[in-house]
Amino acid sequence: EALIVLNNSLKYTQEENLNIILKLNTAKIKIEQNE
């Protein structure tokens, strides 16, 4: 559910640092899921 929310937000977030924070959080979840 967290990944869905982050990925949807990544589609429209233009501000670079917010975009990076979304990507970092997505990557953390992927590591947690062993992906």
ModelCIF file with pLDDT and N, C-alpha, C, O atoms, coordinates in Angstrom:
data_MODEL
#
_entry.id   MODEL 
#
_entity.id                         1 
_entity.type                       polymer 
_entity.pdbx_number_of_molecules   1 
#
_entity_poly.entity_id                      1 
_entity_poly.type                           'polypeptide(L)' 
_entity_poly.nstd_linkage                   no 
_entity_poly.nstd_monomer                   no 
_entity_poly.pdbx_seq_one_letter_code       EALIVLNNSLKYTQEENLNIILKLNTAKIKIEQNE 
_entity_poly.pdbx_seq_one_letter_code_can   EALIVLNNSLKYTQEENLNIILKLNTAKIKIEQNE 
_entity_poly.pdbx_strand_id                 A 
#
loop_
_entity_poly_seq.entity_id 
_entity_poly_seq.num 
_entity_poly_seq.mon_id 
_entity_poly_seq.hetero 
1 1  GLU n 
1 2  ALA n 
1 3  LEU n 
1 4  ILE n 
1 5  VAL n 
1 6  LEU n 
1 7  ASN n 
1 8  ASN n 
1 9  SER n 
1 10 LEU n 
1 11 LYS n 
1 12 TYR n 
1 13 THR n 
1 14 GLN n 
1 15 GLU n 
1 16 GLU n 
1 17 ASN n 
1 18 LEU n 
1 19 ASN n 
1 20 ILE n 
1 21 ILE n 
1 22 LEU n 
1 23 LYS n 
1 24 LEU n 
1 25 ASN n 
1 26 THR n 
1 27 ALA n 
1 28 LYS n 
1 29 ILE n 
1 30 LYS n 
1 31 ILE n 
1 32 GLU n 
1 33 GLN n 
1 34 ASN n 
1 35 GLU n 
#
_struct_asym.id          A 
_struct_asym.entity_id   1 
#
loop_
_ma_qa_metric.id 
_ma_qa_metric.mode 
_ma_qa_metric.name 
_ma_qa_metric.software_group_id 
_ma_qa_metric.type 
1 global pLDDT . pLDDT 
2 local  pLDDT . pLDDT 
#
_ma_qa_metric_global.metric_id      1 
_ma_qa_metric_global.metric_value   93.26 
_ma_qa_metric_global.model_id       1 
_ma_qa_metric_global.ordinal_id     1 
#
loop_
_ma_qa_metric_local.label_asym_id 
_ma_qa_metric_local.label_comp_id 
_ma_qa_metric_local.label_seq_id 
_ma_qa_metric_local.metric_id 
_ma_qa_metric_local.metric_value 
_ma_qa_metric_local.model_id 
_ma_qa_metric_local.ordinal_id 
A GLU 1  2 94.00 1 1  
A ALA 2  2 93.00 1 2  
A LEU 3  2 95.00 1 3  
A ILE 4  2 94.00 1 4  
A VAL 5  2 94.00 1 5  
A LEU 6  2 94.00 1 6  
A ASN 7  2 94.00 1 7  
A ASN 8  2 92.00 1 8  
A SER 9  2 93.00 1 9  
A LEU 10 2 93.00 1 10 
A LYS 11 2 92.00 1 11 
A TYR 12 2 91.00 1 12 
A THR 13 2 89.00 1 13 
A GLN 14 2 88.00 1 14 
A GLU 15 2 89.00 1 15 
A GLU 16 2 92.00 1 16 
A ASN 17 2 91.00 1 17 
A LEU 18 2 90.00 1 18 
A ASN 19 2 93.00 1 19 
A ILE 20 2 92.00 1 20 
A ILE 21 2 93.00 1 21 
A LEU 22 2 94.00 1 22 
A LYS 23 2 95.00 1 23 
A LEU 24 2 94.00 1 24 
A ASN 25 2 94.00 1 25 
A THR 26 2 96.00 1 26 
A ALA 27 2 95.00 1 27 
A LYS 28 2 94.00 1 28 
A ILE 29 2 95.00 1 29 
A LYS 30 2 96.00 1 30 
A ILE 31 2 95.00 1 31 
A GLU 32 2 93.00 1 32 
A GLN 33 2 95.00 1 33 
A ASN 34 2 95.00 1 34 
A GLU 35 2 97.00 1 35 
#
loop_
_atom_site.group_PDB 
_atom_site.id 
_atom_site.type_symbol 
_atom_site.label_atom_id 
_atom_site.label_alt_id 
_atom_site.label_comp_id 
_atom_site.label_asym_id 
_atom_site.label_entity_id 
_atom_site.label_seq_id 
_atom_site.pdbx_PDB_ins_code 
_atom_site.Cartn_x 
_atom_site.Cartn_y 
_atom_site.Cartn_z 
_atom_site.occupancy 
_atom_site.B_iso_or_equiv 
_atom_site.pdbx_formal_charge 
_atom_site.auth_seq_id 
_atom_site.auth_comp_id 
_atom_site.auth_asym_id 
_atom_site.auth_atom_id 
_atom_site.pdbx_PDB_model_num 
ATOM 1   N N  . GLU A 1 1  ? 0.836  -1.200 0.000   1.00 94.00 ? 1  GLU A N  1 
ATOM 2   C CA . GLU A 1 1  ? 0.000  0.000  0.000   1.00 94.00 ? 1  GLU A CA 1 
ATOM 3   C C  . GLU A 1 1  ? 0.875  1.257  0.000   1.00 94.00 ? 1  GLU A C  1 
ATOM 4   O O  . GLU A 1 1  ? 0.575  2.232  -0.689  1.00 94.00 ? 1  GLU A O  1 
ATOM 5   N N  . ALA A 1 2  ? 1.956  1.222  0.778   1.00 93.00 ? 2  ALA A N  1 
ATOM 6   C CA . ALA A 1 2  ? 2.879  2.366  0.812   1.00 93.00 ? 2  ALA A CA 1 
ATOM 7   C C  . ALA A 1 2  ? 3.498  2.597  -0.558  1.00 93.00 ? 2  ALA A C  1 
ATOM 8   O O  . ALA A 1 2  ? 3.626  3.740  -0.998  1.00 93.00 ? 2  ALA A O  1 
ATOM 9   N N  . LEU A 1 3  ? 3.883  1.519  -1.235  1.00 95.00 ? 3  LEU A N  1 
ATOM 10  C CA . LEU A 1 3  ? 4.474  1.631  -2.577  1.00 95.00 ? 3  LEU A CA 1 
ATOM 11  C C  . LEU A 1 3  ? 3.498  2.244  -3.571  1.00 95.00 ? 3  LEU A C  1 
ATOM 12  O O  . LEU A 1 3  ? 3.881  3.082  -4.388  1.00 95.00 ? 3  LEU A O  1 
ATOM 13  N N  . ILE A 1 4  ? 2.256  1.832  -3.501  1.00 94.00 ? 4  ILE A N  1 
ATOM 14  C CA . ILE A 1 4  ? 1.235  2.375  -4.417  1.00 94.00 ? 4  ILE A CA 1 
ATOM 15  C C  . ILE A 1 4  ? 1.113  3.885  -4.238  1.00 94.00 ? 4  ILE A C  1 
ATOM 16  O O  . ILE A 1 4  ? 1.088  4.637  -5.212  1.00 94.00 ? 4  ILE A O  1 
ATOM 17  N N  . VAL A 1 5  ? 1.038  4.317  -2.980  1.00 94.00 ? 5  VAL A N  1 
ATOM 18  C CA . VAL A 1 5  ? 0.900  5.751  -2.686  1.00 94.00 ? 5  VAL A CA 1 
ATOM 19  C C  . VAL A 1 5  ? 2.119  6.516  -3.203  1.00 94.00 ? 5  VAL A C  1 
ATOM 20  O O  . VAL A 1 5  ? 1.975  7.564  -3.833  1.00 94.00 ? 5  VAL A O  1 
ATOM 21  N N  . LEU A 1 6  ? 3.318  5.994  -2.936  1.00 94.00 ? 6  LEU A N  1 
ATOM 22  C CA . LEU A 1 6  ? 4.549  6.681  -3.359  1.00 94.00 ? 6  LEU A CA 1 
ATOM 23  C C  . LEU A 1 6  ? 4.670  6.724  -4.882  1.00 94.00 ? 6  LEU A C  1 
ATOM 24  O O  . LEU A 1 6  ? 5.013  7.761  -5.449  1.00 94.00 ? 6  LEU A O  1 
ATOM 25  N N  . ASN A 1 7  ? 4.390  5.607  -5.538  1.00 94.00 ? 7  ASN A N  1 
ATOM 26  C CA . ASN A 1 7  ? 4.500  5.562  -7.005  1.00 94.00 ? 7  ASN A CA 1 
ATOM 27  C C  . ASN A 1 7  ? 3.499  6.483  -7.685  1.00 94.00 ? 7  ASN A C  1 
ATOM 28  O O  . ASN A 1 7  ? 3.824  7.114  -8.691  1.00 94.00 ? 7  ASN A O  1 
ATOM 29  N N  . ASN A 1 8  ? 2.283  6.569  -7.146  1.00 92.00 ? 8  ASN A N  1 
ATOM 30  C CA . ASN A 1 8  ? 1.294  7.492  -7.712  1.00 92.00 ? 8  ASN A CA 1 
ATOM 31  C C  . ASN A 1 8  ? 1.751  8.939  -7.564  1.00 92.00 ? 8  ASN A C  1 
ATOM 32  O O  . ASN A 1 8  ? 1.577  9.749  -8.474  1.00 92.00 ? 8  ASN A O  1 
ATOM 33  N N  . SER A 1 9  ? 2.329  9.254  -6.424  1.00 93.00 ? 9  SER A N  1 
ATOM 34  C CA . SER A 1 9  ? 2.801  10.611 -6.182  1.00 93.00 ? 9  SER A CA 1 
ATOM 35  C C  . SER A 1 9  ? 4.003  10.944 -7.068  1.00 93.00 ? 9  SER A C  1 
ATOM 36  O O  . SER A 1 9  ? 4.168  12.093 -7.479  1.00 93.00 ? 9  SER A O  1 
ATOM 37  N N  . LEU A 1 10 ? 4.830  9.963  -7.361  1.00 93.00 ? 10 LEU A N  1 
ATOM 38  C CA . LEU A 1 10 ? 6.003  10.175 -8.223  1.00 93.00 ? 10 LEU A CA 1 
ATOM 39  C C  . LEU A 1 10 ? 5.605  10.609 -9.634  1.00 93.00 ? 10 LEU A C  1 
ATOM 40  O O  . LEU A 1 10 ? 6.373  11.285 -10.318 1.00 93.00 ? 10 LEU A O  1 
ATOM 41  N N  . LYS A 1 11 ? 4.408  10.222 -10.066 1.00 92.00 ? 11 LYS A N  1 
ATOM 42  C CA . LYS A 1 11 ? 3.969  10.538 -11.435 1.00 92.00 ? 11 LYS A CA 1 
ATOM 43  C C  . LYS A 1 11 ? 3.811  12.036 -11.664 1.00 92.00 ? 11 LYS A C  1 
ATOM 44  O O  . LYS A 1 11 ? 3.955  12.504 -12.794 1.00 92.00 ? 11 LYS A O  1 
ATOM 45  N N  . TYR A 1 12 ? 3.515  12.801 -10.604 1.00 91.00 ? 12 TYR A N  1 
ATOM 46  C CA . TYR A 1 12 ? 3.247  14.223 -10.810 1.00 91.00 ? 12 TYR A CA 1 
ATOM 47  C C  . TYR A 1 12 ? 4.159  15.164 -10.019 1.00 91.00 ? 12 TYR A C  1 
ATOM 48  O O  . TYR A 1 12 ? 4.139  16.371 -10.260 1.00 91.00 ? 12 TYR A O  1 
ATOM 49  N N  . THR A 1 13 ? 4.940  14.654 -9.101  1.00 89.00 ? 13 THR A N  1 
ATOM 50  C CA . THR A 1 13 ? 5.766  15.531 -8.270  1.00 89.00 ? 13 THR A CA 1 
ATOM 51  C C  . THR A 1 13 ? 6.906  16.106 -9.089  1.00 89.00 ? 13 THR A C  1 
ATOM 52  O O  . THR A 1 13 ? 7.764  15.370 -9.577  1.00 89.00 ? 13 THR A O  1 
ATOM 53  N N  . GLN A 1 14 ? 6.913  17.425 -9.238  1.00 88.00 ? 14 GLN A N  1 
ATOM 54  C CA . GLN A 1 14 ? 7.912  18.108 -10.059 1.00 88.00 ? 14 GLN A CA 1 
ATOM 55  C C  . GLN A 1 14 ? 9.116  18.588 -9.242  1.00 88.00 ? 14 GLN A C  1 
ATOM 56  O O  . GLN A 1 14 ? 10.239 18.615 -9.747  1.00 88.00 ? 14 GLN A O  1 
ATOM 57  N N  . GLU A 1 15 ? 8.885  18.961 -8.000  1.00 89.00 ? 15 GLU A N  1 
ATOM 58  C CA . GLU A 1 15 ? 9.962  19.511 -7.187  1.00 89.00 ? 15 GLU A CA 1 
ATOM 59  C C  . GLU A 1 15 ? 11.013 18.427 -6.953  1.00 89.00 ? 15 GLU A C  1 
ATOM 60  O O  . GLU A 1 15 ? 10.701 17.345 -6.457  1.00 89.00 ? 15 GLU A O  1 
ATOM 61  N N  . GLU A 1 16 ? 12.262 18.730 -7.316  1.00 92.00 ? 16 GLU A N  1 
ATOM 62  C CA . GLU A 1 16 ? 13.325 17.718 -7.363  1.00 92.00 ? 16 GLU A CA 1 
ATOM 63  C C  . GLU A 1 16 ? 13.563 17.028 -6.023  1.00 92.00 ? 16 GLU A C  1 
ATOM 64  O O  . GLU A 1 16 ? 13.631 15.800 -5.967  1.00 92.00 ? 16 GLU A O  1 
ATOM 65  N N  . ASN A 1 17 ? 13.688 17.794 -4.953  1.00 91.00 ? 17 ASN A N  1 
ATOM 66  C CA . ASN A 1 17 ? 13.992 17.175 -3.658  1.00 91.00 ? 17 ASN A CA 1 
ATOM 67  C C  . ASN A 1 17 ? 12.844 16.314 -3.142  1.00 91.00 ? 17 ASN A C  1 
ATOM 68  O O  . ASN A 1 17 ? 13.080 15.260 -2.553  1.00 91.00 ? 17 ASN A O  1 
ATOM 69  N N  . LEU A 1 18 ? 11.613 16.748 -3.355  1.00 90.00 ? 18 LEU A N  1 
ATOM 70  C CA . LEU A 1 18 ? 10.467 15.907 -2.972  1.00 90.00 ? 18 LEU A CA 1 
ATOM 71  C C  . LEU A 1 18 ? 10.442 14.629 -3.806  1.00 90.00 ? 18 LEU A C  1 
ATOM 72  O O  . LEU A 1 18 ? 10.141 13.552 -3.292  1.00 90.00 ? 18 LEU A O  1 
ATOM 73  N N  . ASN A 1 19 ? 10.757 14.754 -5.089  1.00 93.00 ? 19 ASN A N  1 
ATOM 74  C CA . ASN A 1 19 ? 10.818 13.603 -5.981  1.00 93.00 ? 19 ASN A CA 1 
ATOM 75  C C  . ASN A 1 19 ? 11.870 12.612 -5.491  1.00 93.00 ? 19 ASN A C  1 
ATOM 76  O O  . ASN A 1 19 ? 11.644 11.402 -5.500  1.00 93.00 ? 19 ASN A O  1 
ATOM 77  N N  . ILE A 1 20 ? 13.025 13.133 -5.064  1.00 92.00 ? 20 ILE A N  1 
ATOM 78  C CA . ILE A 1 20 ? 14.102 12.280 -4.550  1.00 92.00 ? 20 ILE A CA 1 
ATOM 79  C C  . ILE A 1 20 ? 13.671 11.580 -3.266  1.00 92.00 ? 20 ILE A C  1 
ATOM 80  O O  . ILE A 1 20 ? 13.938 10.393 -3.083  1.00 92.00 ? 20 ILE A O  1 
ATOM 81  N N  . ILE A 1 21 ? 13.005 12.315 -2.380  1.00 93.00 ? 21 ILE A N  1 
ATOM 82  C CA . ILE A 1 21 ? 12.535 11.707 -1.126  1.00 93.00 ? 21 ILE A CA 1 
ATOM 83  C C  . ILE A 1 21 ? 11.555 10.574 -1.419  1.00 93.00 ? 21 ILE A C  1 
ATOM 84  O O  . ILE A 1 21 ? 11.606 9.526  -0.775  1.00 93.00 ? 21 ILE A O  1 
ATOM 85  N N  . LEU A 1 22 ? 10.660 10.781 -2.392  1.00 94.00 ? 22 LEU A N  1 
ATOM 86  C CA . LEU A 1 22 ? 9.731  9.713  -2.786  1.00 94.00 ? 22 LEU A CA 1 
ATOM 87  C C  . LEU A 1 22 ? 10.505 8.490  -3.292  1.00 94.00 ? 22 LEU A C  1 
ATOM 88  O O  . LEU A 1 22 ? 10.185 7.357  -2.932  1.00 94.00 ? 22 LEU A O  1 
ATOM 89  N N  . LYS A 1 23 ? 11.523 8.724  -4.128  1.00 95.00 ? 23 LYS A N  1 
ATOM 90  C CA . LYS A 1 23 ? 12.322 7.618  -4.673  1.00 95.00 ? 23 LYS A CA 1 
ATOM 91  C C  . LYS A 1 23 ? 13.106 6.895  -3.572  1.00 95.00 ? 23 LYS A C  1 
ATOM 92  O O  . LYS A 1 23 ? 13.191 5.667  -3.571  1.00 95.00 ? 23 LYS A O  1 
ATOM 93  N N  . LEU A 1 24 ? 13.673 7.654  -2.645  1.00 94.00 ? 24 LEU A N  1 
ATOM 94  C CA . LEU A 1 24 ? 14.421 7.029  -1.538  1.00 94.00 ? 24 LEU A CA 1 
ATOM 95  C C  . LEU A 1 24 ? 13.508 6.148  -0.689  1.00 94.00 ? 24 LEU A C  1 
ATOM 96  O O  . LEU A 1 24 ? 13.885 5.044  -0.295  1.00 94.00 ? 24 LEU A O  1 
ATOM 97  N N  . ASN A 1 25 ? 12.308 6.647  -0.413  1.00 94.00 ? 25 ASN A N  1 
ATOM 98  C CA . ASN A 1 25 ? 11.354 5.847  0.364   1.00 94.00 ? 25 ASN A CA 1 
ATOM 99  C C  . ASN A 1 25 ? 10.931 4.597  -0.397  1.00 94.00 ? 25 ASN A C  1 
ATOM 100 O O  . ASN A 1 25 ? 10.771 3.525  0.187   1.00 94.00 ? 25 ASN A O  1 
ATOM 101 N N  . THR A 1 26 ? 10.751 4.748  -1.711  1.00 96.00 ? 26 THR A N  1 
ATOM 102 C CA . THR A 1 26 ? 10.409 3.590  -2.548  1.00 96.00 ? 26 THR A CA 1 
ATOM 103 C C  . THR A 1 26 ? 11.534 2.566  -2.510  1.00 96.00 ? 26 THR A C  1 
ATOM 104 O O  . THR A 1 26 ? 11.284 1.368  -2.370  1.00 96.00 ? 26 THR A O  1 
ATOM 105 N N  . ALA A 1 27 ? 12.778 3.037  -2.634  1.00 95.00 ? 27 ALA A N  1 
ATOM 106 C CA . ALA A 1 27 ? 13.934 2.131  -2.596  1.00 95.00 ? 27 ALA A CA 1 
ATOM 107 C C  . ALA A 1 27 ? 14.045 1.423  -1.242  1.00 95.00 ? 27 ALA A C  1 
ATOM 108 O O  . ALA A 1 27 ? 14.378 0.239  -1.185  1.00 95.00 ? 27 ALA A O  1 
ATOM 109 N N  . LYS A 1 28 ? 13.766 2.149  -0.153  1.00 94.00 ? 28 LYS A N  1 
ATOM 110 C CA . LYS A 1 28 ? 13.806 1.526  1.189   1.00 94.00 ? 28 LYS A CA 1 
ATOM 111 C C  . LYS A 1 28 ? 12.810 0.378  1.284   1.00 94.00 ? 28 LYS A C  1 
ATOM 112 O O  . LYS A 1 28 ? 13.110 -0.682 1.833   1.00 94.00 ? 28 LYS A O  1 
ATOM 113 N N  . ILE A 1 29 ? 11.622 0.610  0.739   1.00 95.00 ? 29 ILE A N  1 
ATOM 114 C CA . ILE A 1 29 ? 10.602 -0.446 0.772   1.00 95.00 ? 29 ILE A CA 1 
ATOM 115 C C  . ILE A 1 29 ? 11.058 -1.634 -0.071  1.00 95.00 ? 29 ILE A C  1 
ATOM 116 O O  . ILE A 1 29 ? 10.897 -2.784 0.339   1.00 95.00 ? 29 ILE A O  1 
ATOM 117 N N  . LYS A 1 30 ? 11.623 -1.363 -1.238  1.00 96.00 ? 30 LYS A N  1 
ATOM 118 C CA . LYS A 1 30 ? 12.109 -2.448 -2.106  1.00 96.00 ? 30 LYS A CA 1 
ATOM 119 C C  . LYS A 1 30 ? 13.188 -3.262 -1.391  1.00 96.00 ? 30 LYS A C  1 
ATOM 120 O O  . LYS A 1 30 ? 13.212 -4.487 -1.515  1.00 96.00 ? 30 LYS A O  1 
ATOM 121 N N  . ILE A 1 31 ? 14.072 -2.611 -0.652  1.00 95.00 ? 31 ILE A N  1 
ATOM 122 C CA . ILE A 1 31 ? 15.096 -3.328 0.120   1.00 95.00 ? 31 ILE A CA 1 
ATOM 123 C C  . ILE A 1 31 ? 14.423 -4.173 1.191   1.00 95.00 ? 31 ILE A C  1 
ATOM 124 O O  . ILE A 1 31 ? 14.796 -5.325 1.412   1.00 95.00 ? 31 ILE A O  1 
ATOM 125 N N  . GLU A 1 32 ? 13.428 -3.591 1.854   1.00 93.00 ? 32 GLU A N  1 
ATOM 126 C CA . GLU A 1 32 ? 12.684 -4.314 2.895   1.00 93.00 ? 32 GLU A CA 1 
ATOM 127 C C  . GLU A 1 32 ? 11.979 -5.545 2.315   1.00 93.00 ? 32 GLU A C  1 
ATOM 128 O O  . GLU A 1 32 ? 11.864 -6.571 2.986   1.00 93.00 ? 32 GLU A O  1 
ATOM 129 N N  . GLN A 1 33 ? 11.512 -5.440 1.080   1.00 95.00 ? 33 GLN A N  1 
ATOM 130 C CA . GLN A 1 33 ? 10.822 -6.551 0.422   1.00 95.00 ? 33 GLN A CA 1 
ATOM 131 C C  . GLN A 1 33 ? 11.798 -7.519 -0.262  1.00 95.00 ? 33 GLN A C  1 
ATOM 132 O O  . GLN A 1 33 ? 11.387 -8.456 -0.946  1.00 95.00 ? 33 GLN A O  1 
ATOM 133 N N  . ASN A 1 34 ? 13.093 -7.271 -0.061  1.00 95.00 ? 34 ASN A N  1 
ATOM 134 C CA . ASN A 1 34 ? 14.146 -8.096 -0.648  1.00 95.00 ? 34 ASN A CA 1 
ATOM 135 C C  . ASN A 1 34 ? 14.161 -8.025 -2.178  1.00 95.00 ? 34 ASN A C  1 
ATOM 136 O O  . ASN A 1 34 ? 14.567 -8.974 -2.849  1.00 95.00 ? 34 ASN A O  1 
ATOM 137 N N  . GLU A 1 35 ? 13.714 -6.892 -2.715  1.00 97.00 ? 35 GLU A N  1 
ATOM 138 C CA . GLU A 1 35 ? 13.787 -6.634 -4.157  1.00 97.00 ? 35 GLU A CA 1 
ATOM 139 C C  . GLU A 1 35 ? 14.947 -5.657 -4.383  1.00 97.00 ? 35 GLU A C  1 
ATOM 140 O O  . GLU A 1 35 ? 15.221 -5.277 -5.521  1.00 97.00 ? 35 GLU A O  1 
#
